[in-house]
Amino acid sequence: MTEYFNEGLFWITVIMGMILLPYAKEDKGLLVLWLIVFIGQFFASYITYKDAQYNIELFTQGNSLICFSGGGYYTPSNKYYISQSEGWILKENYFMKDSLMLRVDGCEKMEGKE
């Protein structure tokens, strides 16, 4: 599950907590807000982990998946159709085919193709 944990956000939250600590004694709302952000990142990591496990289960059962990768502000993300019948394999937390690796948490089940 730690592979889905956002370490950058964690350290930013820790540093912000150290900065807000003197003010939190006077304003408890800041402390509550900081705690929500701090605990929320662990919850987000767990949700991403569960999504990845669900996608791995679907793939091993022979279902087809649609995975999205790349994209930005001005370009759409690339769409890939993943299935064992098309030669994709599962290696740790990635779907692989030739030299392309896609994270398992960026996928969803293809409806209508089971």
C-alpha atoms as a PDB file:
ATOM      1  CA  MET A   1       0.000   0.000   0.000  1.00  0.00           C
ATOM      2  CA  THR A   2       2.927   2.357   0.548  1.00  0.00           C
ATOM      3  CA  GLU A   3       3.606   2.509  -3.198  1.00  0.00           C
ATOM      4  CA  TYR A   4       0.477   4.666  -3.545  1.00  0.00           C
ATOM      5  CA  PHE A   5       1.370   7.026  -0.705  1.00  0.00           C
ATOM      6  CA  ASN A   6       2.156  10.621  -1.739  1.00  0.00           C
ATOM      7  CA  GLU A   7       5.388  11.344   0.132  1.00  0.00           C
ATOM      8  CA  GLY A   8       5.632  14.910  -1.166  1.00  0.00           C
ATOM      9  CA  LEU A   9       2.244  15.805   0.288  1.00  0.00           C
ATOM     10  CA  PHE A  10       3.209  14.086   3.545  1.00  0.00           C
ATOM     11  CA  TRP A  11       6.327  16.222   4.032  1.00  0.00           C
ATOM     12  CA  ILE A  12       4.524  19.404   3.031  1.00  0.00           C
ATOM     13  CA  THR A  13       1.848  18.583   5.616  1.00  0.00           C
ATOM     14  CA  VAL A  14       4.481  17.931   8.292  1.00  0.00           C
ATOM     15  CA  ILE A  15       6.246  21.223   7.545  1.00  0.00           C
ATOM     16  CA  MET A  16       2.933  23.105   7.545  1.00  0.00           C
ATOM     17  CA  GLY A  17       2.107  21.475  10.876  1.00  0.00           C
ATOM     18  CA  MET A  18       5.378  22.707  12.349  1.00  0.00           C
ATOM     19  CA  ILE A  19       4.648  26.219  11.073  1.00  0.00           C
ATOM     20  CA  LEU A  20       1.047  26.185  12.352  1.00  0.00           C
ATOM     21  CA  LEU A  21       1.875  24.714  15.780  1.00  0.00           C
ATOM     22  CA  PRO A  22       2.344  28.077  17.559  1.00  0.00           C
ATOM     23  CA  TYR A  23      -0.937  29.363  16.084  1.00  0.00           C
ATOM     24  CA  ALA A  24      -2.851  26.169  16.869  1.00  0.00           C
ATOM     25  CA  LYS A  25      -2.698  26.917  20.595  1.00  0.00           C
ATOM     26  CA  GLU A  26      -4.906  29.951  20.025  1.00  0.00           C
ATOM     27  CA  ASP A  27      -7.017  28.722  17.095  1.00  0.00           C
ATOM     28  CA  LYS A  28      -8.133  25.086  17.363  1.00  0.00           C
ATOM     29  CA  GLY A  29      -9.730  25.277  13.915  1.00  0.00           C
ATOM     30  CA  LEU A  30      -6.266  25.298  12.329  1.00  0.00           C
ATOM     31  CA  LEU A  31      -5.333  22.164  14.229  1.00  0.00           C
ATOM     32  CA  VAL A  32      -8.523  20.402  13.159  1.00  0.00           C
ATOM     33  CA  LEU A  33      -7.979  21.399   9.522  1.00  0.00           C
ATOM     34  CA  TRP A  34      -4.367  20.183   9.642  1.00  0.00           C
ATOM     35  CA  LEU A  35      -5.437  16.869  11.174  1.00  0.00           C
ATOM     36  CA  ILE A  36      -8.059  16.375   8.440  1.00  0.00           C
ATOM     37  CA  VAL A  37      -5.443  16.939   5.723  1.00  0.00           C
ATOM     38  CA  PHE A  38      -2.903  14.722   7.500  1.00  0.00           C
ATOM     39  CA  ILE A  39      -5.297  11.804   7.996  1.00  0.00           C
ATOM     40  CA  GLY A  40      -6.935  12.345   4.605  1.00  0.00           C
ATOM     41  CA  GLN A  41      -3.762  11.519   2.719  1.00  0.00           C
ATOM     42  CA  PHE A  42      -3.594   8.098   4.361  1.00  0.00           C
ATOM     43  CA  PHE A  43      -7.235   7.521   3.441  1.00  0.00           C
ATOM     44  CA  ALA A  44      -6.549   8.556  -0.191  1.00  0.00           C
ATOM     45  CA  SER A  45      -3.627   6.145  -0.334  1.00  0.00           C
ATOM     46  CA  TYR A  46      -5.837   3.325   0.936  1.00  0.00           C
ATOM     47  CA  ILE A  47      -8.563   4.087  -1.639  1.00  0.00           C
ATOM     48  CA  THR A  48      -5.991   4.052  -4.466  1.00  0.00           C
ATOM     49  CA  TYR A  49      -4.616   0.748  -3.158  1.00  0.00           C
ATOM     50  CA  LYS A  50      -8.095  -0.802  -3.126  1.00  0.00           C
ATOM     51  CA  ASP A  51      -8.734   0.406  -6.696  1.00  0.00           C
ATOM     52  CA  ALA A  52      -5.465  -1.169  -7.809  1.00  0.00           C
ATOM     53  CA  GLN A  53      -6.301  -4.477  -6.127  1.00  0.00           C
ATOM     54  CA  TYR A  54      -9.729  -4.484  -7.776  1.00  0.00           C
ATOM     55  CA  ASN A  55      -8.168  -3.862 -11.205  1.00  0.00           C
ATOM     56  CA  ILE A  56      -5.646  -6.655 -10.653  1.00  0.00           C
ATOM     57  CA  GLU A  57      -8.487  -9.006  -9.719  1.00  0.00           C
ATOM     58  CA  LEU A  58     -10.452  -8.046 -12.842  1.00  0.00           C
ATOM     59  CA  PHE A  59      -7.388  -8.571 -15.039  1.00  0.00           C
ATOM     60  CA  THR A  60      -6.585 -11.998 -13.601  1.00  0.00           C
ATOM     61  CA  GLN A  61     -10.217 -13.052 -14.146  1.00  0.00           C
ATOM     62  CA  GLY A  62      -9.804 -12.275 -17.853  1.00  0.00           C
ATOM     63  CA  ASN A  63     -11.723  -8.997 -18.049  1.00  0.00           C
ATOM     64  CA  SER A  64     -10.708  -6.157 -20.359  1.00  0.00           C
ATOM     65  CA  LEU A  65      -9.709  -2.811 -18.879  1.00  0.00           C
ATOM     66  CA  ILE A  66      -9.276   0.719 -20.197  1.00  0.00           C
ATOM     67  CA  CYS A  67      -6.191   2.467 -18.835  1.00  0.00           C
ATOM     68  CA  PHE A  68      -5.392   6.157 -19.102  1.00  0.00           C
ATOM     69  CA  SER A  69      -1.895   7.575 -19.085  1.00  0.00           C
ATOM     70  CA  GLY A  70      -0.288  10.924 -19.735  1.00  0.00           C
ATOM     71  CA  GLY A  71      -2.190  14.006 -20.689  1.00  0.00           C
ATOM     72  CA  GLY A  72      -1.955  17.484 -19.311  1.00  0.00           C
ATOM     73  CA  TYR A  73      -3.558  20.877 -19.529  1.00  0.00           C
ATOM     74  CA  TYR A  74      -3.589  21.057 -23.312  1.00  0.00           C
ATOM     75  CA  THR A  75      -3.407  17.419 -24.400  1.00  0.00           C
ATOM     76  CA  PRO A  76      -5.804  14.565 -23.711  1.00  0.00           C
ATOM     77  CA  SER A  77      -4.630  11.461 -21.912  1.00  0.00           C
ATOM     78  CA  ASN A  78      -3.752   8.369 -23.907  1.00  0.00           C
ATOM     79  CA  LYS A  79      -6.222   5.484 -23.740  1.00  0.00           C
ATOM     80  CA  TYR A  80      -5.037   1.861 -23.773  1.00  0.00           C
ATOM     81  CA  TYR A  81      -7.137  -1.295 -23.959  1.00  0.00           C
ATOM     82  CA  ILE A  82      -5.696  -3.920 -21.628  1.00  0.00           C
ATOM     83  CA  SER A  83      -6.444  -7.634 -21.667  1.00  0.00           C
ATOM     84  CA  GLN A  84      -4.551 -10.876 -21.323  1.00  0.00           C
ATOM     85  CA  SER A  85      -5.676 -11.945 -24.805  1.00  0.00           C
ATOM     86  CA  GLU A  86      -3.836  -8.953 -26.318  1.00  0.00           C
ATOM     87  CA  GLY A  87      -0.545  -9.944 -24.703  1.00  0.00           C
ATOM     88  CA  TRP A  88      -0.548  -7.712 -21.620  1.00  0.00           C
ATOM     89  CA  ILE A  89       1.038  -9.115 -18.473  1.00  0.00           C
ATOM     90  CA  LEU A  90       0.862  -8.084 -14.834  1.00  0.00           C
ATOM     91  CA  LYS A  91       4.141  -7.302 -13.101  1.00  0.00           C
ATOM     92  CA  GLU A  92       3.870  -6.025  -9.540  1.00  0.00           C
ATOM     93  CA  ASN A  93       1.757  -2.831  -9.830  1.00  0.00           C
ATOM     94  CA  TYR A  94       1.992  -2.383 -13.587  1.00  0.00           C
ATOM     95  CA  PHE A  95       0.425  -3.759 -16.727  1.00  0.00           C
ATOM     96  CA  MET A  96       3.196  -4.369 -19.256  1.00  0.00           C
ATOM     97  CA  LYS A  97       3.358  -4.967 -22.986  1.00  0.00           C
ATOM     98  CA  ASP A  98       6.651  -4.629 -24.854  1.00  0.00           C
ATOM     99  CA  SER A  99       8.287  -1.536 -23.305  1.00  0.00           C
ATOM    100  CA  LEU A 100       5.054   0.133 -22.156  1.00  0.00           C
ATOM    101  CA  MET A 101       4.207   0.079 -18.437  1.00  0.00           C
ATOM    102  CA  LEU A 102       0.895   1.362 -17.074  1.00  0.00           C
ATOM    103  CA  ARG A 103       0.023   1.633 -13.384  1.00  0.00           C
ATOM    104  CA  VAL A 104      -2.848  -0.626 -12.366  1.00  0.00           C
ATOM    105  CA  ASP A 105      -4.668   2.103 -10.435  1.00  0.00           C
ATOM    106  CA  GLY A 106      -5.232   4.244 -13.556  1.00  0.00           C
ATOM    107  CA  CYS A 107      -7.647   1.792 -15.145  1.00  0.00           C
ATOM    108  CA  GLU A 108     -11.323   0.915 -15.162  1.00  0.00           C
ATOM    109  CA  LYS A 109     -13.365  -2.023 -16.374  1.00  0.00           C
ATOM    110  CA  MET A 110     -14.570  -1.959 -19.959  1.00  0.00           C
ATOM    111  CA  GLU A 111     -18.328  -2.193 -19.946  1.00  0.00           C
ATOM    112  CA  GLY A 112     -19.891  -4.594 -22.428  1.00  0.00           C
ATOM    113  CA  LYS A 113     -16.734  -6.667 -22.936  1.00  0.00           C
ATOM    114  CA  GLU A 114     -16.492  -9.352 -20.291  1.00  0.00           C
END
